[in-house]
Every structure is written in C-alpha cells, then in structure tokens.
C-alpha cells in the first residue's frame, strides 16, 4: 500500500537545514516497515541525508557548494531571476531532488548521526513543497 503526503516547509534562509523532525510530524505514524520516498518540487533547492549532530557540518556544506558553484560566473546566460538563481539550479542538480529511506520498526532507518537536509540554494527561496510517498 502507498500513502502520499503533500506538505510545505516554512521558508528557510540560504544554506543547509536539518528537517528530519518536520518531515516526521507530517508522516506520523509510520508503518512498521516500508520505504519513505521524499521529493522536493523545486529546481533551486534539494534534499540530502548527512550528518545532523554537529552544526558546523551544515556551514561547511554551504561553504563548499558556494566554492564549487559561485555566483557571478560571467559565462552563465540564465540571469533574469538574479545572480543566485542559475547557481541554485546547478547546485540542486548536484545534490538531488529526492531521497529514499527504509522504515524499520515504525521508524526511519537513519544512521546514528544522519538527518534529512533541506538544501536551500536561493537567497530568498520561500516555502518549499515536498511530496512524501510511504510504501508499506
């Protein structure tokens, strides 16, 4: 059986944000076993799973992504929506638009230090829409 949930995250500042608890609130209760597939409906933000215990990790991700894909690259042609838009599209392709997590004993089977990230690549991205599919 598949259950789908559509929900929005509140606007977040540019950067990486742990959203695990927000996602779980939208999905409660989870089935005893299954799979969660989470998809973001935007082209300038992404989802990821990574270290959620040390906030320095979030800062380091933002620093590295901005180093890899800086704003003001003179060869970009898609510039109508501001200098952060096309770099945000590129970053979202690098990070990805969906994640899949097993559900075991009614809980997401994340590792001890893992959490779900919203990767916000726009300076003012606004609320972000997510589609969660729970397969049990």
N, C-alpha and C. Protein backbone atom coordinates (compact mmCIF):
# COMPACT_ATOMS: atom_id res chain seq x y z
N UNK A 1 0.84 -1.17 0.00
CA UNK A 1 0.00 0.00 0.00
C UNK A 1 0.90 1.24 0.00
N UNK A 2 0.45 2.29 -0.70
CA UNK A 2 1.18 3.55 -0.76
C UNK A 2 0.31 4.67 -0.23
N UNK A 3 0.87 5.48 0.65
CA UNK A 3 0.22 6.69 1.13
C UNK A 3 1.08 7.87 0.70
N UNK A 4 0.43 8.91 0.21
CA UNK A 4 1.18 10.10 -0.18
C UNK A 4 0.73 11.29 0.65
N UNK A 5 1.72 12.12 0.95
CA UNK A 5 1.51 13.32 1.74
C UNK A 5 2.17 14.49 1.02
N UNK A 6 1.43 15.57 0.82
CA UNK A 6 1.99 16.79 0.27
C UNK A 6 2.01 17.82 1.38
N UNK A 7 3.15 18.44 1.57
CA UNK A 7 3.26 19.46 2.62
C UNK A 7 4.34 20.46 2.25
N UNK A 8 4.33 21.57 2.94
CA UNK A 8 5.31 22.63 2.69
C UNK A 8 6.19 22.84 3.91
N UNK A 9 7.43 23.16 3.65
CA UNK A 9 8.35 23.59 4.70
C UNK A 9 8.27 25.10 4.79
N UNK A 10 8.41 25.66 5.96
CA UNK A 10 8.44 27.13 6.05
C UNK A 10 9.68 27.66 5.35
N UNK A 11 9.66 28.91 4.92
CA UNK A 11 10.84 29.48 4.27
C UNK A 11 12.07 29.37 5.17
N UNK A 12 13.18 29.00 4.55
CA UNK A 12 14.46 28.89 5.26
C UNK A 12 15.47 29.80 4.59
N UNK A 13 16.41 30.27 5.37
CA UNK A 13 17.49 31.06 4.81
C UNK A 13 18.36 30.18 3.92
N UNK A 14 19.15 30.82 3.09
CA UNK A 14 20.06 30.08 2.24
C UNK A 14 20.98 29.23 3.12
N UNK A 15 21.20 27.99 2.70
CA UNK A 15 22.08 27.10 3.46
C UNK A 15 21.47 25.72 3.60
N UNK A 16 22.04 24.95 4.49
CA UNK A 16 21.63 23.57 4.72
C UNK A 16 20.92 23.51 6.07
N UNK A 17 19.76 22.84 6.09
CA UNK A 17 18.91 22.82 7.28
C UNK A 17 18.45 21.39 7.55
N UNK A 18 18.58 20.94 8.80
CA UNK A 18 18.09 19.61 9.19
C UNK A 18 16.58 19.70 9.39
N UNK A 19 15.84 18.91 8.61
CA UNK A 19 14.37 18.98 8.63
C UNK A 19 13.74 17.65 9.05
N UNK A 20 14.51 16.75 9.61
CA UNK A 20 14.00 15.42 9.94
C UNK A 20 12.75 15.49 10.81
N UNK A 21 12.77 16.27 11.86
CA UNK A 21 11.61 16.32 12.78
C UNK A 21 10.38 16.90 12.08
N UNK A 22 10.58 17.89 11.20
CA UNK A 22 9.44 18.46 10.47
C UNK A 22 8.81 17.39 9.55
N UNK A 23 9.64 16.64 8.86
CA UNK A 23 9.14 15.59 7.98
C UNK A 23 8.38 14.54 8.78
N UNK A 24 8.95 14.11 9.89
CA UNK A 24 8.29 13.09 10.71
C UNK A 24 6.93 13.54 11.22
N UNK A 25 6.80 14.83 11.58
CA UNK A 25 5.50 15.34 12.03
C UNK A 25 4.44 15.19 10.95
N UNK A 26 4.83 15.34 9.71
CA UNK A 26 3.88 15.24 8.60
C UNK A 26 3.49 13.79 8.31
N UNK A 27 4.31 12.83 8.71
CA UNK A 27 4.10 11.43 8.33
C UNK A 27 3.60 10.55 9.46
N UNK A 28 3.53 11.08 10.66
CA UNK A 28 3.18 10.27 11.81
C UNK A 28 1.78 9.70 11.69
N UNK A 29 1.56 8.45 12.03
CA UNK A 29 2.55 7.44 12.37
C UNK A 29 3.07 6.74 11.12
N UNK A 30 4.29 6.25 11.20
CA UNK A 30 4.87 5.48 10.10
C UNK A 30 4.44 4.02 10.23
N UNK A 31 4.38 3.29 9.13
CA UNK A 31 4.08 1.86 9.22
C UNK A 31 5.24 1.12 9.90
N UNK A 32 5.00 -0.12 10.28
CA UNK A 32 6.03 -0.91 10.93
C UNK A 32 7.24 -1.13 10.02
N UNK A 33 6.99 -1.33 8.73
CA UNK A 33 8.09 -1.50 7.78
C UNK A 33 7.67 -0.90 6.45
N UNK A 34 8.66 -0.52 5.66
CA UNK A 34 8.37 0.06 4.36
C UNK A 34 9.50 0.94 3.89
N UNK A 35 9.14 1.89 3.05
CA UNK A 35 10.12 2.81 2.46
C UNK A 35 9.48 4.19 2.37
N UNK A 36 10.25 5.21 2.71
CA UNK A 36 9.85 6.60 2.51
C UNK A 36 10.61 7.14 1.31
N UNK A 37 9.88 7.66 0.35
CA UNK A 37 10.49 8.39 -0.75
C UNK A 37 10.05 9.84 -0.61
N UNK A 38 11.02 10.75 -0.55
CA UNK A 38 10.75 12.17 -0.35
C UNK A 38 11.27 12.94 -1.55
N UNK A 39 10.41 13.79 -2.12
CA UNK A 39 10.72 14.52 -3.35
C UNK A 39 10.42 16.01 -3.14
N UNK A 40 11.33 16.87 -3.57
CA UNK A 40 11.11 18.31 -3.48
C UNK A 40 10.68 18.83 -4.85
N UNK A 41 9.63 19.65 -4.89
CA UNK A 41 9.06 20.14 -6.14
C UNK A 41 9.65 21.49 -6.55
N UNK A 42 10.95 21.60 -6.49
CA UNK A 42 11.61 22.86 -6.82
C UNK A 42 12.92 22.59 -7.54
N UNK A 43 13.36 23.55 -8.33
CA UNK A 43 14.60 23.39 -9.11
C UNK A 43 15.77 24.18 -8.54
N UNK A 44 15.56 24.86 -7.43
CA UNK A 44 16.65 25.64 -6.83
C UNK A 44 16.87 25.28 -5.36
N UNK A 45 16.40 24.10 -4.98
CA UNK A 45 16.62 23.55 -3.65
C UNK A 45 16.74 22.04 -3.81
N UNK A 46 17.23 21.37 -2.78
CA UNK A 46 17.46 19.93 -2.90
C UNK A 46 17.23 19.27 -1.55
N UNK A 47 17.29 17.94 -1.57
CA UNK A 47 17.21 17.13 -0.36
C UNK A 47 18.46 16.28 -0.27
N UNK A 48 18.88 16.00 0.94
CA UNK A 48 20.04 15.14 1.15
C UNK A 48 19.95 14.48 2.52
N UNK A 49 20.76 13.47 2.73
CA UNK A 49 20.91 12.83 4.04
C UNK A 49 22.38 12.95 4.41
N UNK A 50 22.63 13.45 5.62
CA UNK A 50 24.01 13.53 6.07
C UNK A 50 24.05 13.81 7.56
N UNK A 51 25.21 14.14 8.06
CA UNK A 51 25.49 14.42 9.48
C UNK A 51 24.51 15.47 10.02
N UNK A 52 23.84 15.14 11.11
CA UNK A 52 22.87 16.06 11.69
C UNK A 52 23.18 16.42 13.13
N UNK A 53 24.33 16.01 13.64
CA UNK A 53 24.65 16.27 15.05
C UNK A 53 25.46 17.54 15.25
N UNK A 54 26.38 17.84 14.36
CA UNK A 54 27.27 18.98 14.52
C UNK A 54 26.88 20.07 13.52
N UNK A 55 26.42 21.24 13.98
CA UNK A 55 26.01 22.30 13.07
C UNK A 55 27.13 22.83 12.18
N UNK A 56 28.38 22.59 12.54
CA UNK A 56 29.49 23.00 11.68
C UNK A 56 29.44 22.31 10.32
N UNK A 57 28.90 21.10 10.30
CA UNK A 57 28.80 20.36 9.03
C UNK A 57 27.92 21.14 8.04
N UNK A 58 26.83 21.71 8.54
CA UNK A 58 25.92 22.48 7.68
C UNK A 58 26.64 23.70 7.09
N UNK A 59 27.43 24.37 7.90
CA UNK A 59 28.20 25.53 7.44
C UNK A 59 29.23 25.10 6.40
N UNK A 60 29.90 23.99 6.65
CA UNK A 60 30.92 23.51 5.71
C UNK A 60 30.31 23.12 4.37
N UNK A 61 29.15 22.49 4.38
CA UNK A 61 28.47 22.17 3.12
C UNK A 61 28.18 23.44 2.32
N UNK A 62 27.64 24.45 2.99
CA UNK A 62 27.33 25.71 2.31
C UNK A 62 28.60 26.33 1.73
N UNK A 63 29.68 26.30 2.47
CA UNK A 63 30.94 26.86 2.01
C UNK A 63 31.47 26.12 0.78
N UNK A 64 31.44 24.81 0.82
CA UNK A 64 31.95 24.02 -0.31
C UNK A 64 31.08 24.20 -1.55
N UNK A 65 29.76 24.15 -1.39
CA UNK A 65 28.88 24.33 -2.55
C UNK A 65 29.07 25.71 -3.17
N UNK A 66 29.24 26.75 -2.35
CA UNK A 66 29.47 28.09 -2.89
C UNK A 66 30.84 28.19 -3.57
N UNK A 67 31.80 27.43 -3.12
CA UNK A 67 33.11 27.40 -3.77
C UNK A 67 33.02 26.67 -5.12
N UNK A 68 32.27 25.57 -5.15
CA UNK A 68 32.13 24.80 -6.39
C UNK A 68 31.33 25.56 -7.45
N UNK A 69 30.25 26.22 -7.00
CA UNK A 69 29.36 26.92 -7.92
C UNK A 69 29.12 28.33 -7.38
N UNK A 70 30.06 29.24 -7.64
CA UNK A 70 29.90 30.61 -7.13
C UNK A 70 28.90 31.41 -7.96
N UNK A 71 28.41 32.48 -7.37
CA UNK A 71 27.59 33.42 -8.13
C UNK A 71 28.50 34.27 -9.02
N UNK A 72 27.88 34.99 -9.93
CA UNK A 72 28.60 35.93 -10.80
C UNK A 72 29.57 35.24 -11.77
N UNK A 73 29.20 34.05 -12.24
CA UNK A 73 30.01 33.42 -13.28
C UNK A 73 29.65 34.11 -14.60
N UNK A 74 30.57 34.79 -15.25
CA UNK A 74 30.25 35.63 -16.40
C UNK A 74 29.72 34.87 -17.62
N UNK A 75 29.93 33.58 -17.69
CA UNK A 75 29.50 32.80 -18.85
C UNK A 75 28.07 32.27 -18.73
N UNK A 76 27.41 32.46 -17.59
CA UNK A 76 26.02 32.00 -17.44
C UNK A 76 25.08 32.89 -18.25
N UNK A 77 24.11 32.28 -18.90
CA UNK A 77 23.15 33.05 -19.70
C UNK A 77 21.78 33.18 -19.05
N UNK A 78 21.41 32.29 -18.14
CA UNK A 78 20.13 32.36 -17.42
C UNK A 78 20.32 33.26 -16.21
N UNK A 79 20.06 34.56 -16.38
CA UNK A 79 20.35 35.53 -15.33
C UNK A 79 19.15 36.40 -14.96
N UNK A 80 17.99 36.20 -15.59
CA UNK A 80 16.84 37.08 -15.37
C UNK A 80 16.32 37.06 -13.94
N UNK A 81 16.48 35.95 -13.24
CA UNK A 81 15.92 35.83 -11.89
C UNK A 81 16.93 36.14 -10.80
N UNK A 82 18.04 36.74 -11.14
CA UNK A 82 19.02 37.15 -10.15
C UNK A 82 20.28 36.30 -10.18
N UNK A 83 21.34 36.80 -9.56
CA UNK A 83 22.63 36.12 -9.62
C UNK A 83 22.69 34.80 -8.85
N UNK A 84 21.73 34.55 -7.94
CA UNK A 84 21.75 33.30 -7.19
C UNK A 84 20.92 32.21 -7.86
N UNK A 85 20.15 32.53 -8.93
CA UNK A 85 19.21 31.57 -9.49
C UNK A 85 19.89 30.44 -10.26
N UNK A 86 20.66 30.75 -11.28
CA UNK A 86 21.29 29.68 -12.05
C UNK A 86 22.27 28.88 -11.21
N UNK A 87 23.09 29.50 -10.36
CA UNK A 87 23.91 28.68 -9.46
C UNK A 87 23.05 27.75 -8.59
N UNK A 88 21.88 28.22 -8.17
CA UNK A 88 20.99 27.37 -7.37
C UNK A 88 20.51 26.16 -8.17
N UNK A 89 20.20 26.36 -9.45
CA UNK A 89 19.79 25.23 -10.29
C UNK A 89 20.92 24.21 -10.41
N UNK A 90 22.13 24.68 -10.62
CA UNK A 90 23.27 23.77 -10.75
C UNK A 90 23.50 23.01 -9.45
N UNK A 91 23.45 23.70 -8.32
CA UNK A 91 23.64 23.05 -7.03
C UNK A 91 22.56 22.00 -6.77
N UNK A 92 21.33 22.29 -7.17
CA UNK A 92 20.25 21.33 -6.92
C UNK A 92 20.44 20.06 -7.74
N UNK A 93 21.02 20.19 -8.95
CA UNK A 93 21.33 19.00 -9.74
C UNK A 93 22.42 18.18 -9.05
N UNK A 94 23.41 18.85 -8.48
CA UNK A 94 24.49 18.14 -7.80
C UNK A 94 23.99 17.41 -6.55
N UNK A 95 23.08 18.02 -5.80
CA UNK A 95 22.60 17.42 -4.56
C UNK A 95 21.45 16.44 -4.78
N UNK A 96 20.53 16.75 -5.69
CA UNK A 96 19.43 15.83 -5.98
C UNK A 96 18.09 16.29 -5.44
N UNK A 97 17.04 15.84 -6.09
CA UNK A 97 15.69 16.27 -5.76
C UNK A 97 14.91 15.26 -4.91
N UNK A 98 15.50 14.10 -4.62
CA UNK A 98 14.76 13.12 -3.82
C UNK A 98 15.71 12.25 -3.02
N UNK A 99 15.15 11.66 -1.97
CA UNK A 99 15.86 10.70 -1.13
C UNK A 99 14.92 9.55 -0.81
N UNK A 100 15.48 8.41 -0.49
CA UNK A 100 14.72 7.23 -0.11
C UNK A 100 15.31 6.67 1.17
N UNK A 101 14.43 6.37 2.14
CA UNK A 101 14.88 5.89 3.44
C UNK A 101 14.03 4.67 3.84
N UNK A 102 14.66 3.58 4.24
CA UNK A 102 13.88 2.43 4.74
C UNK A 102 13.18 2.79 6.05
N UNK A 103 12.05 2.15 6.27
CA UNK A 103 11.31 2.26 7.54
C UNK A 103 11.42 0.90 8.22
N UNK A 104 11.94 0.89 9.44
CA UNK A 104 12.13 -0.34 10.21
C UNK A 104 11.55 -0.13 11.60
N UNK A 105 10.70 -1.03 12.02
CA UNK A 105 10.07 -0.95 13.35
C UNK A 105 9.40 0.40 13.58
N UNK A 106 8.75 0.93 12.55
CA UNK A 106 7.99 2.16 12.68
C UNK A 106 8.82 3.43 12.74
N UNK A 107 10.12 3.31 12.40
CA UNK A 107 10.99 4.49 12.43
C UNK A 107 11.83 4.54 11.17
N UNK A 108 12.23 5.77 10.80
CA UNK A 108 13.16 5.90 9.69
C UNK A 108 14.48 5.25 10.08
N UNK A 109 15.02 4.43 9.20
CA UNK A 109 16.25 3.68 9.49
C UNK A 109 17.47 4.52 9.15
N UNK A 110 17.51 5.72 9.70
CA UNK A 110 18.67 6.59 9.53
C UNK A 110 19.77 6.13 10.47
N UNK A 111 21.02 6.36 10.09
CA UNK A 111 22.14 6.05 10.96
C UNK A 111 22.16 6.97 12.16
N UNK A 112 22.98 6.65 13.13
CA UNK A 112 23.03 7.37 14.41
C UNK A 112 23.15 8.88 14.23
N UNK A 113 23.98 9.34 13.31
CA UNK A 113 24.24 10.77 13.16
C UNK A 113 23.51 11.37 11.97
N UNK A 114 22.74 10.58 11.23
CA UNK A 114 22.13 11.07 10.00
C UNK A 114 20.84 11.84 10.23
N UNK A 115 20.59 12.78 9.33
CA UNK A 115 19.35 13.52 9.32
C UNK A 115 19.01 13.92 7.89
N UNK A 116 17.78 14.35 7.70
CA UNK A 116 17.33 14.81 6.38
C UNK A 116 17.61 16.30 6.28
N UNK A 117 18.22 16.71 5.18
CA UNK A 117 18.53 18.11 4.93
C UNK A 117 17.61 18.71 3.88
N UNK A 118 17.21 19.94 4.11
CA UNK A 118 16.77 20.82 3.04
C UNK A 118 18.02 21.62 2.65
N UNK A 119 18.36 21.57 1.39
CA UNK A 119 19.48 22.33 0.86
C UNK A 119 18.88 23.52 0.12
N UNK A 120 18.86 24.67 0.75
CA UNK A 120 18.26 25.88 0.18
C UNK A 120 19.36 26.68 -0.51
N UNK A 121 19.24 26.80 -1.82
CA UNK A 121 20.28 27.45 -2.61
C UNK A 121 19.94 28.87 -3.06
N UNK A 122 18.73 29.33 -2.78
CA UNK A 122 18.35 30.71 -3.11
C UNK A 122 18.49 31.59 -1.88
N UNK A 123 18.74 32.87 -2.13
CA UNK A 123 18.81 33.83 -1.02
C UNK A 123 17.45 33.98 -0.35
N UNK A 124 16.38 33.95 -1.14
CA UNK A 124 15.02 34.02 -0.64
C UNK A 124 14.17 33.01 -1.39
N UNK A 125 14.30 31.75 -1.02
CA UNK A 125 13.63 30.67 -1.74
C UNK A 125 12.16 30.53 -1.44
N UNK A 126 11.73 30.97 -0.29
CA UNK A 126 10.32 30.83 0.08
C UNK A 126 10.00 29.44 0.61
N UNK A 127 8.72 29.19 0.82
CA UNK A 127 8.27 27.88 1.29
C UNK A 127 8.58 26.84 0.22
N UNK A 128 8.94 25.65 0.64
CA UNK A 128 9.27 24.58 -0.30
C UNK A 128 8.28 23.44 -0.14
N UNK A 129 7.75 22.97 -1.29
CA UNK A 129 6.76 21.90 -1.31
C UNK A 129 7.47 20.54 -1.44
N UNK A 130 7.00 19.59 -0.61
CA UNK A 130 7.54 18.23 -0.65
C UNK A 130 6.40 17.24 -0.88
N UNK A 131 6.73 16.15 -1.56
CA UNK A 131 5.82 15.03 -1.72
C UNK A 131 6.48 13.84 -1.05
N UNK A 132 5.79 13.26 -0.07
CA UNK A 132 6.29 12.08 0.62
C UNK A 132 5.43 10.89 0.21
N UNK A 133 6.06 9.84 -0.26
CA UNK A 133 5.37 8.60 -0.58
C UNK A 133 5.86 7.53 0.40
N UNK A 134 4.93 6.98 1.16
CA UNK A 134 5.26 5.94 2.12
C UNK A 134 4.71 4.64 1.56
N UNK A 135 5.63 3.73 1.24
CA UNK A 135 5.27 2.42 0.71
C UNK A 135 5.40 1.40 1.82
N UNK A 136 4.31 0.67 2.08
CA UNK A 136 4.37 -0.33 3.16
C UNK A 136 3.91 -1.68 2.64
